[in-house]
C-alpha atoms as a PDB file:
ATOM      1  CA  MET A   1     152.969 173.056  43.970  1.00  0.00           C
ATOM      2  CA  SER A   2     154.127 174.195  47.368  1.00  0.00           C
ATOM      3  CA  GLN A   3     154.504 177.887  48.114  1.00  0.00           C
ATOM      4  CA  ARG A   4     157.934 177.034  49.485  1.00  0.00           C
ATOM      5  CA  THR A   5     159.113 175.349  46.277  1.00  0.00           C
ATOM      6  CA  ARG A   6     162.633 176.274  45.244  1.00  0.00           C
ATOM      7  CA  VAL A   7     163.789 176.244  41.643  1.00  0.00           C
ATOM      8  CA  ALA A   8     167.189 176.942  40.143  1.00  0.00           C
ATOM      9  CA  LEU A   9     168.145 178.904  37.056  1.00  0.00           C
ATOM     10  CA  LEU A  10     171.585 178.181  35.584  1.00  0.00           C
ATOM     11  CA  HIS A  11     173.040 181.066  33.590  1.00  0.00           C
ATOM     12  CA  THR A  12     176.134 181.724  31.511  1.00  0.00           C
ATOM     13  CA  GLY A  13     175.584 185.478  31.273  1.00  0.00           C
ATOM     14  CA  ALA A  14     174.572 187.978  33.925  1.00  0.00           C
ATOM     15  CA  VAL A  15     172.517 189.961  31.409  1.00  0.00           C
ATOM     16  CA  VAL A  16     169.894 187.195  31.350  1.00  0.00           C
ATOM     17  CA  ILE A  17     169.320 187.012  35.117  1.00  0.00           C
ATOM     18  CA  PRO A  18     166.930 189.990  35.454  1.00  0.00           C
ATOM     19  CA  MET A  19     165.172 189.129  32.181  1.00  0.00           C
ATOM     20  CA  ALA A  20     164.495 185.552  33.266  1.00  0.00           C
ATOM     21  CA  GLY A  21     163.604 186.740  36.759  1.00  0.00           C
ATOM     22  CA  GLU A  22     160.766 188.860  35.427  1.00  0.00           C
ATOM     23  CA  PHE A  23     159.132 185.897  33.698  1.00  0.00           C
ATOM     24  CA  VAL A  24     159.652 183.601  36.692  1.00  0.00           C
ATOM     25  CA  LYS A  25     158.055 186.177  38.979  1.00  0.00           C
ATOM     26  CA  ARG A  26     155.066 186.461  36.645  1.00  0.00           C
ATOM     27  CA  GLU A  27     154.571 182.782  35.817  1.00  0.00           C
ATOM     28  CA  LEU A  28     155.736 181.263  39.116  1.00  0.00           C
ATOM     29  CA  PRO A  29     154.913 183.790  41.829  1.00  0.00           C
ATOM     30  CA  ASP A  30     154.936 181.191  44.602  1.00  0.00           C
ATOM     31  CA  VAL A  31     158.405 179.767  44.010  1.00  0.00           C
ATOM     32  CA  THR A  32     161.766 180.866  45.333  1.00  0.00           C
ATOM     33  CA  PRO A  33     164.267 181.101  42.461  1.00  0.00           C
ATOM     34  CA  ILE A  34     167.986 180.549  43.023  1.00  0.00           C
ATOM     35  CA  ASN A  35     170.366 181.841  40.351  1.00  0.00           C
ATOM     36  CA  TYR A  36     173.658 180.165  39.520  1.00  0.00           C
ATOM     37  CA  LEU A  37     176.127 181.824  37.157  1.00  0.00           C
ATOM     38  CA  ASP A  38     179.316 180.757  35.422  1.00  0.00           C
ATOM     39  CA  ASP A  39     180.063 183.670  33.134  1.00  0.00           C
ATOM     40  CA  LYS A  40     183.149 182.059  31.585  1.00  0.00           C
ATOM     41  CA  ILE A  41     181.374 179.073  30.041  1.00  0.00           C
ATOM     42  CA  VAL A  42     180.598 180.718  26.696  1.00  0.00           C
ATOM     43  CA  ALA A  43     184.202 181.842  26.229  1.00  0.00           C
ATOM     44  CA  ASP A  44     185.549 178.486  27.381  1.00  0.00           C
ATOM     45  CA  LEU A  45     183.394 176.583  24.880  1.00  0.00           C
ATOM     46  CA  GLY A  46     185.492 178.204  22.199  1.00  0.00           C
ATOM     47  CA  ASP A  47     188.776 177.195  23.846  1.00  0.00           C
ATOM     48  CA  PRO A  48     189.844 173.618  23.037  1.00  0.00           C
ATOM     49  CA  ALA A  49     191.756 173.407  26.312  1.00  0.00           C
ATOM     50  CA  LEU A  50     188.797 174.453  28.475  1.00  0.00           C
ATOM     51  CA  ALA A  51     185.752 173.245  26.539  1.00  0.00           C
ATOM     52  CA  PRO A  52     185.950 169.716  27.998  1.00  0.00           C
ATOM     53  CA  SER A  53     185.506 171.180  31.493  1.00  0.00           C
ATOM     54  CA  VAL A  54     182.102 172.697  30.763  1.00  0.00           C
ATOM     55  CA  ALA A  55     179.965 169.579  31.185  1.00  0.00           C
ATOM     56  CA  GLU A  56     181.390 168.887  34.648  1.00  0.00           C
ATOM     57  CA  ARG A  57     180.963 172.538  35.655  1.00  0.00           C
ATOM     58  CA  VAL A  58     177.308 172.506  34.613  1.00  0.00           C
ATOM     59  CA  THR A  59     176.761 169.283  36.554  1.00  0.00           C
ATOM     60  CA  LYS A  60     178.385 170.807  39.644  1.00  0.00           C
ATOM     61  CA  LEU A  61     176.102 173.839  39.416  1.00  0.00           C
ATOM     62  CA  ALA A  62     173.136 171.504  39.094  1.00  0.00           C
ATOM     63  CA  GLN A  63     174.337 169.546  42.138  1.00  0.00           C
ATOM     64  CA  ALA A  64     174.632 172.783  44.101  1.00  0.00           C
ATOM     65  CA  ALA A  65     171.036 173.537  43.158  1.00  0.00           C
ATOM     66  CA  ALA A  66     169.923 170.097  44.301  1.00  0.00           C
ATOM     67  CA  ASP A  67     171.810 170.513  47.572  1.00  0.00           C
ATOM     68  CA  ALA A  68     170.028 173.840  48.093  1.00  0.00           C
ATOM     69  CA  GLY A  69     166.655 172.127  47.813  1.00  0.00           C
ATOM     70  CA  ALA A  70     165.671 172.994  44.244  1.00  0.00           C
ATOM     71  CA  GLU A  71     162.825 170.934  42.806  1.00  0.00           C
ATOM     72  CA  ALA A  72     163.823 171.541  39.182  1.00  0.00           C
ATOM     73  CA  ILE A  73     166.399 173.403  37.129  1.00  0.00           C
ATOM     74  CA  LEU A  74     166.100 175.653  34.099  1.00  0.00           C
ATOM     75  CA  LEU A  75     169.107 176.127  31.805  1.00  0.00           C
ATOM     76  CA  THR A  76     168.763 179.649  30.431  1.00  0.00           C
ATOM     77  CA  CYS A  77     171.629 179.378  27.938  1.00  0.00           C
ATOM     78  CA  SER A  78     171.170 177.550  24.646  1.00  0.00           C
ATOM     79  CA  SER A  79     174.921 176.967  24.350  1.00  0.00           C
ATOM     80  CA  ILE A  80     174.721 174.395  27.177  1.00  0.00           C
ATOM     81  CA  SER A  81     171.275 172.975  26.402  1.00  0.00           C
ATOM     82  CA  GLU A  82     172.742 169.709  25.136  1.00  0.00           C
ATOM     83  CA  LEU A  83     174.168 169.077  28.606  1.00  0.00           C
ATOM     84  CA  ALA A  84     170.732 168.987  30.256  1.00  0.00           C
ATOM     85  CA  ALA A  85     170.100 165.253  30.000  1.00  0.00           C
ATOM     86  CA  GLY A  86     173.484 164.234  31.364  1.00  0.00           C
ATOM     87  CA  ALA A  87     173.337 166.665  34.267  1.00  0.00           C
ATOM     88  CA  ALA A  88     169.771 165.608  35.117  1.00  0.00           C
ATOM     89  CA  GLU A  89     170.829 161.978  35.291  1.00  0.00           C
ATOM     90  CA  GLU A  90     173.768 162.831  37.527  1.00  0.00           C
ATOM     91  CA  VAL A  91     171.847 164.919  40.083  1.00  0.00           C
ATOM     92  CA  GLY A  92     168.424 163.271  39.922  1.00  0.00           C
ATOM     93  CA  LEU A  93     166.443 166.422  39.155  1.00  0.00           C
ATOM     94  CA  PRO A  94     164.432 167.417  36.102  1.00  0.00           C
ATOM     95  CA  ILE A  95     166.387 169.920  34.005  1.00  0.00           C
ATOM     96  CA  LEU A  96     164.626 171.861  31.273  1.00  0.00           C
ATOM     97  CA  ARG A  97     166.231 173.612  28.341  1.00  0.00           C
ATOM     98  CA  ILE A  98     164.975 177.185  28.009  1.00  0.00           C
ATOM     99  CA  ASP A  99     164.606 176.836  24.245  1.00  0.00           C
ATOM    100  CA  GLU A 100     162.759 173.512  24.037  1.00  0.00           C
ATOM    101  CA  ALA A 101     159.290 175.074  23.863  1.00  0.00           C
ATOM    102  CA  MET A 102     160.485 177.635  21.313  1.00  0.00           C
ATOM    103  CA  ALA A 103     161.887 174.844  19.138  1.00  0.00           C
ATOM    104  CA  ASP A 104     158.558 173.006  19.239  1.00  0.00           C
ATOM    105  CA  GLU A 105     156.725 176.175  18.246  1.00  0.00           C
ATOM    106  CA  ALA A 106     159.117 176.800  15.367  1.00  0.00           C
ATOM    107  CA  VAL A 107     158.623 173.270  14.044  1.00  0.00           C
ATOM    108  CA  ALA A 108     154.851 173.671  14.224  1.00  0.00           C
ATOM    109  CA  THR A 109     154.927 177.055  12.478  1.00  0.00           C
ATOM    110  CA  GLY A 110     156.628 176.363   9.168  1.00  0.00           C
ATOM    111  CA  ASP A 111     159.047 174.370   7.053  1.00  0.00           C
ATOM    112  CA  ARG A 112     161.608 177.153   6.581  1.00  0.00           C
ATOM    113  CA  ILE A 113     163.183 177.999   9.921  1.00  0.00           C
ATOM    114  CA  SER A 114     165.854 180.674  10.239  1.00  0.00           C
ATOM    115  CA  VAL A 115     167.967 180.620  13.411  1.00  0.00           C
ATOM    116  CA  LEU A 116     169.739 183.807  14.459  1.00  0.00           C
ATOM    117  CA  ALA A 117     172.416 183.841  17.158  1.00  0.00           C
ATOM    118  CA  THR A 118     174.958 186.315  18.402  1.00  0.00           C
ATOM    119  CA  LEU A 119     177.383 183.535  19.347  1.00  0.00           C
ATOM    120  CA  ALA A 120     178.644 180.689  17.208  1.00  0.00           C
ATOM    121  CA  THR A 121     178.546 178.422  20.275  1.00  0.00           C
ATOM    122  CA  THR A 122     174.767 178.852  20.399  1.00  0.00           C
ATOM    123  CA  SER A 123     173.957 178.482  16.716  1.00  0.00           C
ATOM    124  CA  GLY A 124     174.857 174.801  16.545  1.00  0.00           C
ATOM    125  CA  PRO A 125     173.011 173.607  19.660  1.00  0.00           C
ATOM    126  CA  THR A 126     169.847 175.518  18.733  1.00  0.00           C
ATOM    127  CA  THR A 127     169.850 174.165  15.189  1.00  0.00           C
ATOM    128  CA  ARG A 128     170.350 170.620  16.464  1.00  0.00           C
ATOM    129  CA  LEU A 129     167.580 171.060  19.033  1.00  0.00           C
ATOM    130  CA  ILE A 130     165.130 172.161  16.333  1.00  0.00           C
ATOM    131  CA  GLU A 131     166.100 169.177  14.195  1.00  0.00           C
ATOM    132  CA  GLU A 132     165.672 166.879  17.209  1.00  0.00           C
ATOM    133  CA  ARG A 133     162.215 168.242  18.028  1.00  0.00           C
ATOM    134  CA  ALA A 134     161.239 168.137  14.351  1.00  0.00           C
ATOM    135  CA  ALA A 135     162.142 164.448  14.182  1.00  0.00           C
ATOM    136  CA  LEU A 136     159.978 163.762  17.230  1.00  0.00           C
ATOM    137  CA  ALA A 137     157.111 165.558  15.495  1.00  0.00           C
ATOM    138  CA  GLY A 138     157.661 163.721  12.213  1.00  0.00           C
ATOM    139  CA  ARG A 139     158.662 166.913  10.392  1.00  0.00           C
ATOM    140  CA  THR A 140     161.641 167.689   8.140  1.00  0.00           C
ATOM    141  CA  PRO A 141     162.029 171.478   8.016  1.00  0.00           C
ATOM    142  CA  THR A 142     164.866 173.326   6.348  1.00  0.00           C
ATOM    143  CA  VAL A 143     166.865 175.005   9.102  1.00  0.00           C
ATOM    144  CA  THR A 144     169.387 177.735   8.344  1.00  0.00           C
ATOM    145  CA  SER A 145     171.465 179.712  10.814  1.00  0.00           C
ATOM    146  CA  VAL A 146     173.273 183.055  10.907  1.00  0.00           C
ATOM    147  CA  VAL A 147     175.534 184.571  13.563  1.00  0.00           C
ATOM    148  CA  VAL A 148     174.927 188.321  13.940  1.00  0.00           C
ATOM    149  CA  ASP A 149     178.396 189.849  14.023  1.00  0.00           C
ATOM    150  CA  GLY A 150     179.041 192.498  16.649  1.00  0.00           C
ATOM    151  CA  ALA A 151     175.797 192.061  18.563  1.00  0.00           C
ATOM    152  CA  PHE A 152     177.184 189.990  21.424  1.00  0.00           C
ATOM    153  CA  ASP A 153     180.104 192.343  21.998  1.00  0.00           C
ATOM    154  CA  ALA A 154     177.642 195.221  22.095  1.00  0.00           C
ATOM    155  CA  VAL A 155     175.354 193.702  24.704  1.00  0.00           C
ATOM    156  CA  VAL A 156     178.132 192.543  27.035  1.00  0.00           C
ATOM    157  CA  SER A 157     179.611 196.048  26.939  1.00  0.00           C
ATOM    158  CA  GLY A 158     176.248 197.483  27.972  1.00  0.00           C
ATOM    159  CA  ASP A 159     175.261 198.832  24.548  1.00  0.00           C
ATOM    160  CA  ARG A 160     171.806 197.288  24.282  1.00  0.00           C
ATOM    161  CA  PRO A 161     170.586 199.734  21.556  1.00  0.00           C
ATOM    162  CA  THR A 162     173.362 198.658  19.170  1.00  0.00           C
ATOM    163  CA  HIS A 163     172.706 194.999  19.925  1.00  0.00           C
ATOM    164  CA  ASP A 164     168.999 195.429  19.218  1.00  0.00           C
ATOM    165  CA  ARG A 165     169.642 197.369  16.014  1.00  0.00           C
ATOM    166  CA  LEU A 166     171.993 194.713  14.650  1.00  0.00           C
ATOM    167  CA  VAL A 167     169.700 191.831  15.579  1.00  0.00           C
ATOM    168  CA  ALA A 168     166.569 193.574  14.252  1.00  0.00           C
ATOM    169  CA  ALA A 169     168.287 194.154  10.908  1.00  0.00           C
ATOM    170  CA  ALA A 170     169.288 190.482  10.799  1.00  0.00           C
ATOM    171  CA  ILE A 171     165.689 189.452  11.570  1.00  0.00           C
ATOM    172  CA  GLU A 172     164.418 191.523   8.660  1.00  0.00           C
ATOM    173  CA  ARG A 173     166.944 189.971   6.278  1.00  0.00           C
ATOM    174  CA  ALA A 174     166.204 186.423   7.463  1.00  0.00           C
ATOM    175  CA  ALA A 175     162.435 186.856   7.292  1.00  0.00           C
ATOM    176  CA  ALA A 176     162.551 187.325   3.524  1.00  0.00           C
ATOM    177  CA  ASP A 177     163.233 183.594   3.052  1.00  0.00           C
ATOM    178  CA  ALA A 178     161.728 182.057   6.184  1.00  0.00           C
ATOM    179  CA  ASP A 179     158.366 181.012   7.592  1.00  0.00           C
ATOM    180  CA  VAL A 180     159.598 181.685  11.125  1.00  0.00           C
ATOM    181  CA  VAL A 181     162.649 183.318  12.689  1.00  0.00           C
ATOM    182  CA  VAL A 182     164.129 181.886  15.885  1.00  0.00           C
ATOM    183  CA  LEU A 183     166.290 183.971  18.221  1.00  0.00           C
ATOM    184  CA  ALA A 184     168.674 181.443  19.700  1.00  0.00           C
ATOM    185  CA  GLN A 185     169.651 183.308  22.869  1.00  0.00           C
ATOM    186  CA  ALA A 186     167.443 184.612  25.643  1.00  0.00           C
ATOM    187  CA  SER A 187     169.481 187.821  25.650  1.00  0.00           C
ATOM    188  CA  MET A 188     168.256 188.597  22.114  1.00  0.00           C
ATOM    189  CA  ALA A 189     164.599 188.927  23.070  1.00  0.00           C
ATOM    190  CA  SER A 190     164.644 192.723  23.362  1.00  0.00           C
ATOM    191  CA  ALA A 191     165.313 193.038  19.632  1.00  0.00           C
ATOM    192  CA  ALA A 192     162.250 191.110  18.496  1.00  0.00           C
ATOM    193  CA  ASP A 193     159.778 193.989  18.683  1.00  0.00           C
ATOM    194  CA  ALA A 194     162.088 196.337  16.790  1.00  0.00           C
ATOM    195  CA  ALA A 195     161.965 194.294  13.585  1.00  0.00           C
ATOM    196  CA  GLN A 196     159.294 194.972  10.982  1.00  0.00           C
ATOM    197  CA  VAL A 197     158.464 191.565   9.493  1.00  0.00           C
ATOM    198  CA  ASP A 198     155.453 189.513   8.445  1.00  0.00           C
ATOM    199  CA  VAL A 199     156.575 186.192   9.935  1.00  0.00           C
ATOM    200  CA  PRO A 200     156.672 185.104  13.580  1.00  0.00           C
ATOM    201  CA  VAL A 201     159.835 185.915  15.528  1.00  0.00           C
ATOM    202  CA  LEU A 202     160.244 183.462  18.392  1.00  0.00           C
ATOM    203  CA  THR A 203     162.117 184.042  21.636  1.00  0.00           C
ATOM    204  CA  SER A 204     162.799 181.527  24.366  1.00  0.00           C
ATOM    205  CA  LEU A 205     162.206 183.173  27.727  1.00  0.00           C
ATOM    206  CA  GLU A 206     158.424 183.400  27.934  1.00  0.00           C
ATOM    207  CA  SER A 207     157.625 180.035  26.368  1.00  0.00           C
ATOM    208  CA  GLY A 208     160.503 178.402  28.244  1.00  0.00           C
ATOM    209  CA  VAL A 209     159.374 179.643  31.645  1.00  0.00           C
ATOM    210  CA  LYS A 210     155.787 178.623  30.908  1.00  0.00           C
ATOM    211  CA  ARG A 211     156.934 175.099  30.092  1.00  0.00           C
ATOM    212  CA  PHE A 212     159.031 175.140  33.262  1.00  0.00           C
ATOM    213  CA  ARG A 213     155.869 175.960  35.202  1.00  0.00           C
ATOM    214  CA  SER A 214     154.103 172.991  33.587  1.00  0.00           C
ATOM    215  CA  LEU A 215     157.038 170.767  34.509  1.00  0.00           C
ATOM    216  CA  LEU A 216     156.826 171.841  38.140  1.00  0.00           C
ATOM    217  CA  GLU A 217     153.072 171.356  38.267  1.00  0.00           C
ATOM    218  CA  SER A 218     153.398 167.810  36.958  1.00  0.00           C
ATOM    219  CA  SER A 219     156.382 166.781  39.103  1.00  0.00           C
ATOM    220  CA  PRO A 220     156.072 165.248  42.578  1.00  0.00           C
ATOM    221  CA  ALA A 221     157.601 167.318  45.370  1.00  0.00           C
ATOM    222  CA  ARG A 222     160.941 166.193  46.770  1.00  0.00           C
ATOM    223  CA  ASP A 223     160.984 164.644  50.215  1.00  0.00           C
END
């Protein structure tokens, strides 16, 4: 992997940029990351008039990354993870979903998987991803999902303590009937350590960036 390798991170929320940047700096110290942000995507996914535009917007961001010389792209938002394959085909670059590694770990951990999200637009894609990865592994877990009311509004307004308190409480409730708890959004990671539970609580950033590193190491450099 060249020291001059460029990679792109596609975000739908500014709050994730510094969090993802820390893991990229640690796991991929020799790459140059380029961040792309469309902070209206999450809201527009809930708007029937604008939702159809999201796939094209993600593809255009991916094309911008390719034009800037990126070797690979990481989607840091689970709400758009299902668009990875189509965008990759369009721009000719590998595109990794941030939560793919987390989903694999959840499937390997237990048969009762509880998915927590702070946005309804993320709950569905994460649940479907876990079911997809479970099918590939020959497993049939029971997957449940809960949206933590109020947590997303708290974090986007800058109230991280309230977000973490709400999510931690939801983790503790979910853990009572689960073998593993999955936090669907990268922005939820800060709440994991606050919960007092006896089951694993999985977050996507660290495992996702590590898999991204493996992808880069196994991919031929662009000409």
